[in-house]
Amino acid sequence: MPVKRLQQDVQVRWNSTHYMLQSLLEQKRSLSVYAADHNLAATLTVNQWTLMEKTVKVLAPFEELTRVVSAETATAADVIPAITVLKRVLSREHSTDQGIKTMKSTLLEAVERRFSQVETEPLYCIATLVDPRYKDRQVQYFTNPDNLRQAKDALIQEVGKMEVRRAASEESEAEPVNKVPRQNTASSSLGSVFDEILEETKFLCAPCTSVDSERLFSAVSNVTDEKRNRLSADRIEMLTFLKKNLHFILK
């Protein structure tokens, strides 16, 4: 069998417990053979291996959603749907849940407690409403109808603020000669609301975690080290920019 190292659980790493159990299951045959040839102080029983397999299946959605929301393309609109999906997965009962029912209920209670206010946060709820992937399924993703109603009211208020700011800007600044005029509200029942929502990108572009910015610091530490300690700040900035954006060009 190929030589692999067992993963160690780290308290500050979100999914390290899942990776540790997964690596043990991958090396189950090797560990069993080693335990048979050596007098170990403690070994895992058949029941413990079974519980470990079930635990990995329960933790798998957490690991997957963590990777999704930690990606550089993730936005604030992904938060509410991700939590709703996670709650639905944990609330489902299966015939194979024997031994892990308490763990699933405890995890579900923890998710509900930690994210109980997320559907009322304007940043997340408005981003979910205006995201094309979720806006047609808003009833399914918002678990509370009152939260959905409040989210729609917040979106209407935000659009109203945008209209006020646009009107004030048009009054204080002269229109450029080469600028295409906005569509007149009299000729269109929608006015220019679609354009205004597209211009207001603070909800869609906001990342939902700080993971990607932390990865940027790690990338800088790989660019400059003991053997490349005389790089200027400008050169480090250029190299870091290329490292983070080169894959867009290669695609």
Protein backbone atom coordinates (compact mmCIF):
# COMPACT_ATOMS: atom_id res chain seq x y z
CA MET A 1 0.00 0.00 0.00
CA PRO A 2 1.18 3.56 -0.61
CA VAL A 3 2.81 5.19 2.39
CA LYS A 4 0.62 7.87 3.98
CA ARG A 5 0.80 9.88 7.15
CA LEU A 6 -2.09 9.97 9.60
CA GLN A 7 -3.72 13.36 10.04
CA GLN A 8 -3.63 14.96 13.48
CA ASP A 9 -6.58 16.74 15.04
CA VAL A 10 -5.84 20.45 15.60
CA GLN A 11 -8.14 22.45 17.84
CA VAL A 12 -8.01 25.67 15.79
CA ARG A 13 -8.59 23.92 12.45
CA TRP A 14 -12.27 23.69 11.55
CA ASN A 15 -12.26 20.33 9.79
CA SER A 16 -9.20 18.66 11.30
CA THR A 17 -11.32 16.15 13.26
CA HIS A 18 -12.99 15.03 10.04
CA TYR A 19 -9.62 14.70 8.27
CA MET A 20 -8.15 12.77 11.22
CA LEU A 21 -10.98 10.22 11.27
CA GLN A 22 -10.95 9.96 7.50
CA SER A 23 -7.22 9.20 7.44
CA LEU A 24 -7.70 6.51 10.09
CA LEU A 25 -10.41 4.84 8.02
CA GLU A 26 -8.22 4.95 4.92
CA GLN A 27 -5.44 3.15 6.84
CA LYS A 28 -7.79 0.79 8.68
CA ARG A 29 -6.30 -2.37 7.14
CA SER A 30 -2.72 -1.28 7.82
CA LEU A 31 -3.53 -0.33 11.40
CA SER A 32 -5.32 -3.63 12.00
CA VAL A 33 -2.35 -5.62 10.66
CA TYR A 34 0.07 -3.61 12.79
CA ALA A 35 -2.09 -4.09 15.87
CA ALA A 36 -2.16 -7.85 15.26
CA ASP A 37 1.66 -8.04 15.12
CA HIS A 38 2.35 -5.76 18.08
CA ASN A 39 1.13 -5.71 21.64
CA LEU A 40 -0.52 -2.28 21.68
CA ALA A 41 -1.87 -0.68 24.80
CA ALA A 42 -5.22 0.04 23.15
CA THR A 43 -6.88 -0.90 19.88
CA LEU A 44 -10.15 0.05 18.22
CA THR A 45 -13.05 -2.39 18.37
CA VAL A 46 -15.41 -3.22 15.51
CA ASN A 47 -18.10 -1.04 17.06
CA GLN A 48 -15.69 1.89 17.35
CA TRP A 49 -14.71 1.59 13.69
CA THR A 50 -18.40 1.59 12.76
CA LEU A 51 -19.06 4.69 14.85
CA MET A 52 -16.08 6.37 13.23
CA GLU A 53 -17.46 5.70 9.75
CA LYS A 54 -20.83 7.17 10.74
CA THR A 55 -19.16 10.20 12.32
CA VAL A 56 -17.23 10.91 9.13
CA LYS A 57 -20.49 10.86 7.15
CA VAL A 58 -22.07 13.34 9.57
CA LEU A 59 -19.08 15.69 9.47
CA ALA A 60 -18.73 15.50 5.67
CA PRO A 61 -21.37 18.22 4.98
CA PHE A 62 -19.57 20.56 7.41
CA GLU A 63 -16.30 20.01 5.59
CA GLU A 64 -17.87 20.52 2.17
CA LEU A 65 -19.70 23.71 3.13
CA THR A 66 -16.59 25.06 4.82
CA ARG A 67 -14.67 24.66 1.57
CA VAL A 68 -17.51 26.27 -0.38
CA VAL A 69 -17.82 29.39 1.76
CA SER A 70 -14.02 29.67 2.09
CA ALA A 71 -13.45 29.76 -1.67
CA GLU A 72 -12.31 33.01 -3.27
CA THR A 73 -15.48 33.06 -5.39
CA ALA A 74 -17.84 32.72 -2.41
CA THR A 75 -20.05 35.69 -1.56
CA ALA A 76 -22.29 36.76 1.30
CA ALA A 77 -25.23 35.31 -0.64
CA ASP A 78 -23.97 31.77 0.03
CA VAL A 79 -24.32 31.97 3.81
CA ILE A 80 -28.09 31.58 4.33
CA PRO A 81 -28.53 28.78 1.73
CA ALA A 82 -25.55 26.91 3.16
CA ILE A 83 -26.94 27.03 6.70
CA THR A 84 -30.40 25.97 5.50
CA VAL A 85 -28.96 22.99 3.64
CA LEU A 86 -26.89 22.00 6.66
CA LYS A 87 -29.93 22.13 8.95
CA ARG A 88 -31.95 19.96 6.58
CA VAL A 89 -29.19 17.36 6.33
CA LEU A 90 -28.79 17.14 10.11
CA SER A 91 -32.54 16.94 10.74
CA ARG A 92 -33.05 13.91 8.48
CA GLU A 93 -33.31 10.57 10.25
CA HIS A 94 -31.91 7.37 8.78
CA SER A 95 -32.05 3.78 9.85
CA THR A 96 -28.24 3.78 10.15
CA ASP A 97 -28.18 6.60 12.74
CA GLN A 98 -27.90 4.22 15.66
CA GLY A 99 -25.13 5.49 17.94
CA ILE A 100 -24.90 8.98 16.45
CA LYS A 101 -28.41 10.39 17.00
CA THR A 102 -27.25 12.42 19.99
CA MET A 103 -24.31 13.81 18.02
CA LYS A 104 -26.53 14.87 15.12
CA SER A 105 -29.05 16.56 17.41
CA THR A 106 -26.25 18.33 19.30
CA LEU A 107 -24.70 19.58 16.05
CA LEU A 108 -28.10 20.75 14.83
CA GLU A 109 -28.72 22.65 18.05
CA ALA A 110 -25.28 24.25 17.78
CA VAL A 111 -25.91 25.37 14.19
CA GLU A 112 -29.30 26.83 15.10
CA ARG A 113 -27.84 28.64 18.11
CA ARG A 114 -24.80 30.07 16.36
CA PHE A 115 -26.66 31.20 13.22
CA SER A 116 -30.04 32.08 14.69
CA GLN A 117 -29.75 35.74 13.64
CA VAL A 118 -28.23 35.29 10.19
CA GLU A 119 -31.55 35.53 8.32
CA THR A 120 -32.18 38.96 9.88
CA GLU A 121 -28.78 40.41 8.97
CA PRO A 122 -29.28 42.83 6.03
CA LEU A 123 -25.94 41.95 4.44
CA TYR A 124 -26.77 38.25 4.13
CA CYS A 125 -30.51 38.38 3.48
CA ILE A 126 -30.36 41.09 0.80
CA ALA A 127 -27.45 39.37 -0.91
CA THR A 128 -29.47 36.14 -1.02
CA LEU A 129 -32.53 37.90 -2.47
CA VAL A 130 -30.65 39.56 -5.33
CA ASP A 131 -28.46 36.55 -6.19
CA PRO A 132 -29.82 34.90 -9.38
CA ARG A 133 -29.03 31.44 -7.99
CA TYR A 134 -31.26 31.80 -4.93
CA LYS A 135 -33.87 34.49 -5.58
CA ASP A 136 -36.33 32.05 -7.22
CA ARG A 137 -36.07 29.67 -4.22
CA GLN A 138 -36.17 32.26 -1.46
CA VAL A 139 -39.12 30.59 0.28
CA GLN A 140 -37.13 27.36 0.62
CA TYR A 141 -33.92 28.99 1.81
CA PHE A 142 -35.53 31.28 4.41
CA THR A 143 -36.76 29.02 7.19
CA ASN A 144 -38.88 31.75 8.79
CA PRO A 145 -41.51 33.58 6.66
CA ASP A 146 -41.19 36.66 8.88
CA ASN A 147 -37.47 36.83 8.16
CA LEU A 148 -38.17 36.64 4.43
CA ARG A 149 -40.71 39.45 4.68
CA GLN A 150 -38.24 41.60 6.62
CA ALA A 151 -35.54 40.83 4.06
CA LYS A 152 -37.79 42.05 1.22
CA ASP A 153 -38.57 45.23 3.16
CA ALA A 154 -34.85 45.80 3.71
CA LEU A 155 -34.21 45.35 -0.01
CA ILE A 156 -36.94 47.88 -0.87
CA GLN A 157 -35.46 50.35 1.60
CA GLU A 158 -31.99 49.85 0.13
CA VAL A 159 -33.26 50.48 -3.40
CA GLY A 160 -35.00 53.62 -2.10
CA LYS A 161 -31.73 54.86 -0.60
CA MET A 162 -29.97 54.21 -3.89
CA GLU A 163 -32.61 56.25 -5.72
CA VAL A 164 -32.16 59.15 -3.30
CA ARG A 165 -28.38 59.05 -3.67
CA ARG A 166 -28.67 58.91 -7.46
CA ALA A 167 -31.03 61.87 -7.53
CA ALA A 168 -28.76 63.89 -5.24
CA SER A 169 -25.75 63.02 -7.38
CA GLU A 170 -27.51 64.08 -10.57
CA GLU A 171 -28.46 67.40 -9.01
CA SER A 172 -24.96 68.18 -7.74
CA GLU A 173 -22.99 67.05 -10.77
CA ALA A 174 -23.47 67.88 -14.42
CA GLU A 175 -24.07 64.94 -16.74
CA PRO A 176 -21.08 64.13 -19.05
CA VAL A 177 -21.71 64.78 -22.73
CA ASN A 178 -20.86 61.23 -23.84
CA LYS A 179 -22.88 59.52 -21.10
CA VAL A 180 -25.88 57.50 -22.19
CA PRO A 181 -28.97 58.92 -20.42
CA ARG A 182 -30.90 56.70 -18.06
CA GLN A 183 -34.20 55.25 -19.14
CA ASN A 184 -37.09 57.55 -18.29
CA THR A 185 -39.41 56.21 -15.60
CA ALA A 186 -42.40 57.42 -17.60
CA SER A 187 -41.59 55.11 -20.52
CA SER A 188 -40.71 52.12 -18.35
CA SER A 189 -42.63 50.75 -15.39
CA LEU A 190 -39.36 49.47 -13.95
CA GLY A 191 -37.52 52.74 -14.33
CA SER A 192 -33.83 52.05 -13.89
CA VAL A 193 -34.04 49.86 -10.80
CA PHE A 194 -32.32 46.94 -12.51
CA ASP A 195 -29.34 49.09 -13.43
CA GLU A 196 -29.16 50.55 -9.96
CA ILE A 197 -29.14 47.16 -8.27
CA LEU A 198 -26.37 46.00 -10.60
CA GLU A 199 -24.35 49.12 -9.82
CA GLU A 200 -24.75 48.59 -6.07
CA THR A 201 -22.40 45.61 -5.72
CA LYS A 202 -21.55 45.72 -2.04
CA PHE A 203 -23.89 42.81 -1.23
CA LEU A 204 -22.91 40.41 -4.00
CA CYS A 205 -19.15 41.02 -3.91
CA ALA A 206 -18.72 40.87 -0.13
CA PRO A 207 -16.91 37.66 0.86
CA CYS A 208 -18.56 35.58 3.56
CA THR A 209 -15.32 34.63 5.35
CA SER A 210 -11.83 36.06 5.90
CA VAL A 211 -10.18 32.83 4.73
CA ASP A 212 -9.12 34.14 1.33
CA SER A 213 -7.50 37.24 2.79
CA GLU A 214 -5.63 35.02 5.26
CA ARG A 215 -4.45 32.88 2.34
CA LEU A 216 -3.03 36.06 0.81
CA PHE A 217 -0.77 36.53 3.84
CA SER A 218 0.37 32.93 3.48
CA ALA A 219 1.13 33.54 -0.20
CA VAL A 220 3.31 36.52 0.72
CA SER A 221 5.25 34.39 3.20
CA ASN A 222 5.97 31.94 0.36
CA VAL A 223 7.17 34.71 -1.96
CA THR A 224 9.62 36.24 0.51
CA ASP A 225 11.70 34.01 2.76
CA GLU A 226 15.24 33.74 4.10
CA LYS A 227 16.70 33.13 0.65
CA ARG A 228 14.73 35.97 -0.94
CA ASN A 229 14.87 38.59 1.76
CA ARG A 230 16.10 41.45 -0.42
CA LEU A 231 13.03 41.77 -2.60
CA SER A 232 11.59 45.26 -2.64
CA ALA A 233 8.03 45.88 -1.49
CA ASP A 234 6.95 46.72 -5.05
CA ARG A 235 8.44 43.50 -6.42
CA ILE A 236 6.78 41.43 -3.69
CA GLU A 237 3.45 43.08 -4.50
CA MET A 238 3.81 42.28 -8.21
CA LEU A 239 4.79 38.65 -7.57
CA THR A 240 1.91 38.19 -5.14
CA PHE A 241 -0.53 39.70 -7.63
CA LEU A 242 0.66 37.30 -10.33
CA LYS A 243 0.40 34.32 -7.98
CA LYS A 244 -3.19 35.14 -7.02
CA ASN A 245 -4.44 36.07 -10.51
CA LEU A 246 -2.42 34.00 -12.96
CA HIS A 247 -5.01 31.21 -13.00
CA PHE A 248 -7.56 33.64 -14.50
CA ILE A 249 -5.23 34.23 -17.46
CA LEU A 250 -4.41 30.53 -17.88
CA LYS A 251 -8.12 29.64 -18.00
